[in-house]
Amino acid sequence: MITVPLATVASQTLTINLNNQSCQLAVYTLGLDADAHLYLDLSVAGVPILNTKICRNVARLLLGAGYRGFVGDLMFIDTQGDTDPVASGLGSRYELVYLLPSELPA
């Protein structure tokens, strides 16, 4: 498992190498106040893999998306409870982790 470094901001993009995959991630908030949710976009080498995927606690983001060419999976983890991630806790309470293929259920 690899922790993806995120800042405590409502909208951010980053490029990171995950298991020899050149990944571009966008993490952003859509909605207002109580209806706001965190979303993720993922591209690998410029090829879109996920767009506007809602982020939930301990829910694999790419479940069933292996045919799209991404190896492994991504997941948010609430380190202090069991709530869905919000921007104000990114990089501290809410961690985005990359799961290696060997860490995924068969």
C-alpha atoms as a PDB file:
ATOM      1  CA  MET A   1       0.000   0.000   0.000  1.00  0.00           C
ATOM      2  CA  ILE A   2       1.317   3.441  -0.972  1.00  0.00           C
ATOM      3  CA  THR A   3      -0.073   6.676   0.441  1.00  0.00           C
ATOM      4  CA  VAL A   4      -0.722   9.297  -2.235  1.00  0.00           C
ATOM      5  CA  PRO A   5       0.261  12.739  -0.871  1.00  0.00           C
ATOM      6  CA  LEU A   6      -2.675  15.154  -0.870  1.00  0.00           C
ATOM      7  CA  ALA A   7      -3.009  18.735   0.358  1.00  0.00           C
ATOM      8  CA  THR A   8      -5.865  20.077   2.470  1.00  0.00           C
ATOM      9  CA  VAL A   9      -7.547  21.961  -0.382  1.00  0.00           C
ATOM     10  CA  ALA A  10     -10.895  21.569  -2.136  1.00  0.00           C
ATOM     11  CA  SER A  11      -9.375  21.082  -5.603  1.00  0.00           C
ATOM     12  CA  GLN A  12      -5.971  19.729  -6.584  1.00  0.00           C
ATOM     13  CA  THR A  13      -4.128  17.842  -9.280  1.00  0.00           C
ATOM     14  CA  LEU A  14      -0.947  15.829  -9.066  1.00  0.00           C
ATOM     15  CA  THR A  15       1.217  13.520 -11.101  1.00  0.00           C
ATOM     16  CA  ILE A  16       2.580  10.413  -9.414  1.00  0.00           C
ATOM     17  CA  ASN A  17       4.190   7.161 -10.485  1.00  0.00           C
ATOM     18  CA  LEU A  18       2.255   4.175  -9.146  1.00  0.00           C
ATOM     19  CA  ASN A  19       3.662   0.744  -9.964  1.00  0.00           C
ATOM     20  CA  ASN A  20       5.426   2.098 -13.080  1.00  0.00           C
ATOM     21  CA  GLN A  21       2.264   3.889 -14.238  1.00  0.00           C
ATOM     22  CA  SER A  22       2.482   7.631 -14.897  1.00  0.00           C
ATOM     23  CA  CYS A  23      -0.722   8.771 -13.186  1.00  0.00           C
ATOM     24  CA  GLN A  24      -2.444  12.131 -13.239  1.00  0.00           C
ATOM     25  CA  LEU A  25      -4.970  12.585 -10.436  1.00  0.00           C
ATOM     26  CA  ALA A  26      -7.512  15.326  -9.891  1.00  0.00           C
ATOM     27  CA  VAL A  27      -9.291  15.411  -6.524  1.00  0.00           C
ATOM     28  CA  TYR A  28     -12.036  18.003  -6.172  1.00  0.00           C
ATOM     29  CA  THR A  29     -15.222  18.940  -4.374  1.00  0.00           C
ATOM     30  CA  LEU A  30     -18.573  19.323  -6.125  1.00  0.00           C
ATOM     31  CA  GLY A  31     -21.750  20.543  -4.474  1.00  0.00           C
ATOM     32  CA  LEU A  32     -22.500  22.997  -1.711  1.00  0.00           C
ATOM     33  CA  ASP A  33     -22.157  22.667   2.052  1.00  0.00           C
ATOM     34  CA  ALA A  34     -23.899  19.520   3.334  1.00  0.00           C
ATOM     35  CA  ASP A  35     -24.400  18.253  -0.234  1.00  0.00           C
ATOM     36  CA  ALA A  36     -20.712  18.587  -1.173  1.00  0.00           C
ATOM     37  CA  HIS A  37     -18.808  15.404  -2.068  1.00  0.00           C
ATOM     38  CA  LEU A  38     -15.250  14.627  -3.043  1.00  0.00           C
ATOM     39  CA  TYR A  39     -14.599  13.265  -6.555  1.00  0.00           C
ATOM     40  CA  LEU A  40     -11.580  11.849  -8.372  1.00  0.00           C
ATOM     41  CA  ASP A  41     -10.394  11.761 -11.977  1.00  0.00           C
ATOM     42  CA  LEU A  42      -7.560   9.442 -13.026  1.00  0.00           C
ATOM     43  CA  SER A  43      -5.549   9.302 -16.233  1.00  0.00           C
ATOM     44  CA  VAL A  44      -2.575   7.082 -17.005  1.00  0.00           C
ATOM     45  CA  ALA A  45      -0.089   8.399 -19.564  1.00  0.00           C
ATOM     46  CA  GLY A  46      -2.772  10.842 -20.699  1.00  0.00           C
ATOM     47  CA  VAL A  47      -5.462   8.178 -21.174  1.00  0.00           C
ATOM     48  CA  PRO A  48      -8.589   8.740 -19.027  1.00  0.00           C
ATOM     49  CA  ILE A  49      -9.354   5.830 -16.696  1.00  0.00           C
ATOM     50  CA  LEU A  50     -11.941   7.384 -14.325  1.00  0.00           C
ATOM     51  CA  ASN A  51     -13.888  10.627 -14.519  1.00  0.00           C
ATOM     52  CA  THR A  52     -16.003  12.184 -11.757  1.00  0.00           C
ATOM     53  CA  LYS A  53     -15.841   9.113  -9.487  1.00  0.00           C
ATOM     54  CA  ILE A  54     -17.372   9.851  -6.072  1.00  0.00           C
ATOM     55  CA  CYS A  55     -15.019   9.102  -3.183  1.00  0.00           C
ATOM     56  CA  ARG A  56     -16.331   7.004  -0.305  1.00  0.00           C
ATOM     57  CA  ASN A  57     -14.582   5.699   2.785  1.00  0.00           C
ATOM     58  CA  VAL A  58     -12.893   2.312   2.280  1.00  0.00           C
ATOM     59  CA  ALA A  59     -14.451   1.817  -1.153  1.00  0.00           C
ATOM     60  CA  ARG A  60     -12.195   0.767  -4.007  1.00  0.00           C
ATOM     61  CA  LEU A  61     -12.394   3.421  -6.714  1.00  0.00           C
ATOM     62  CA  LEU A  62     -11.453   1.190  -9.636  1.00  0.00           C
ATOM     63  CA  LEU A  63     -13.291  -1.964  -8.671  1.00  0.00           C
ATOM     64  CA  GLY A  64     -13.976  -3.797 -11.909  1.00  0.00           C
ATOM     65  CA  ALA A  65     -12.033  -1.281 -14.012  1.00  0.00           C
ATOM     66  CA  GLY A  66      -8.983  -3.482 -14.668  1.00  0.00           C
ATOM     67  CA  TYR A  67      -9.911  -3.807 -18.313  1.00  0.00           C
ATOM     68  CA  ARG A  68      -9.235  -0.073 -18.661  1.00  0.00           C
ATOM     69  CA  GLY A  69      -5.533  -0.719 -18.310  1.00  0.00           C
ATOM     70  CA  PHE A  70      -4.860   0.439 -14.728  1.00  0.00           C
ATOM     71  CA  VAL A  71      -2.973  -2.003 -12.523  1.00  0.00           C
ATOM     72  CA  GLY A  72      -3.992  -1.918  -8.844  1.00  0.00           C
ATOM     73  CA  ASP A  73      -6.650   0.215  -7.189  1.00  0.00           C
ATOM     74  CA  LEU A  74      -7.167   3.420  -5.189  1.00  0.00           C
ATOM     75  CA  MET A  75      -9.108   3.894  -1.965  1.00  0.00           C
ATOM     76  CA  PHE A  76      -9.715   6.599   0.637  1.00  0.00           C
ATOM     77  CA  ILE A  77      -9.347   5.634   4.293  1.00  0.00           C
ATOM     78  CA  ASP A  78     -10.749   7.596   7.239  1.00  0.00           C
ATOM     79  CA  THR A  79      -8.027   7.190   9.874  1.00  0.00           C
ATOM     80  CA  GLN A  80     -10.225   8.549  12.674  1.00  0.00           C
ATOM     81  CA  GLY A  81     -13.645   7.043  12.058  1.00  0.00           C
ATOM     82  CA  ASP A  82     -15.990   5.935   9.311  1.00  0.00           C
ATOM     83  CA  THR A  83     -17.010   8.937   7.224  1.00  0.00           C
ATOM     84  CA  ASP A  84     -16.579   9.772   3.571  1.00  0.00           C
ATOM     85  CA  PRO A  85     -13.621  12.024   2.779  1.00  0.00           C
ATOM     86  CA  VAL A  86     -13.903  15.811   2.674  1.00  0.00           C
ATOM     87  CA  ALA A  87     -11.289  18.308   1.525  1.00  0.00           C
ATOM     88  CA  SER A  88     -10.678  19.777   4.989  1.00  0.00           C
ATOM     89  CA  GLY A  89      -9.270  16.424   6.182  1.00  0.00           C
ATOM     90  CA  LEU A  90      -7.202  15.412   3.155  1.00  0.00           C
ATOM     91  CA  GLY A  91      -3.626  14.498   3.930  1.00  0.00           C
ATOM     92  CA  SER A  92      -4.391  14.015   7.614  1.00  0.00           C
ATOM     93  CA  ARG A  93      -7.652  12.326   8.582  1.00  0.00           C
ATOM     94  CA  TYR A  94      -8.439  11.079   5.063  1.00  0.00           C
ATOM     95  CA  GLU A  95      -5.663   9.274   3.225  1.00  0.00           C
ATOM     96  CA  LEU A  96      -5.724   8.247  -0.422  1.00  0.00           C
ATOM     97  CA  VAL A  97      -3.895   4.949  -0.827  1.00  0.00           C
ATOM     98  CA  TYR A  98      -2.796   2.955  -3.845  1.00  0.00           C
ATOM     99  CA  LEU A  99      -3.342  -0.779  -3.495  1.00  0.00           C
ATOM    100  CA  LEU A 100      -0.808  -2.977  -5.258  1.00  0.00           C
ATOM    101  CA  PRO A 101      -2.147  -5.878  -7.327  1.00  0.00           C
ATOM    102  CA  SER A 102      -0.851  -8.303  -4.671  1.00  0.00           C
ATOM    103  CA  GLU A 103      -3.062  -6.534  -2.068  1.00  0.00           C
ATOM    104  CA  LEU A 104      -6.277  -6.988  -4.036  1.00  0.00           C
ATOM    105  CA  PRO A 105      -8.621  -9.923  -3.466  1.00  0.00           C
ATOM    106  CA  ALA A 106      -8.406 -12.613  -6.124  1.00  0.00           C
END
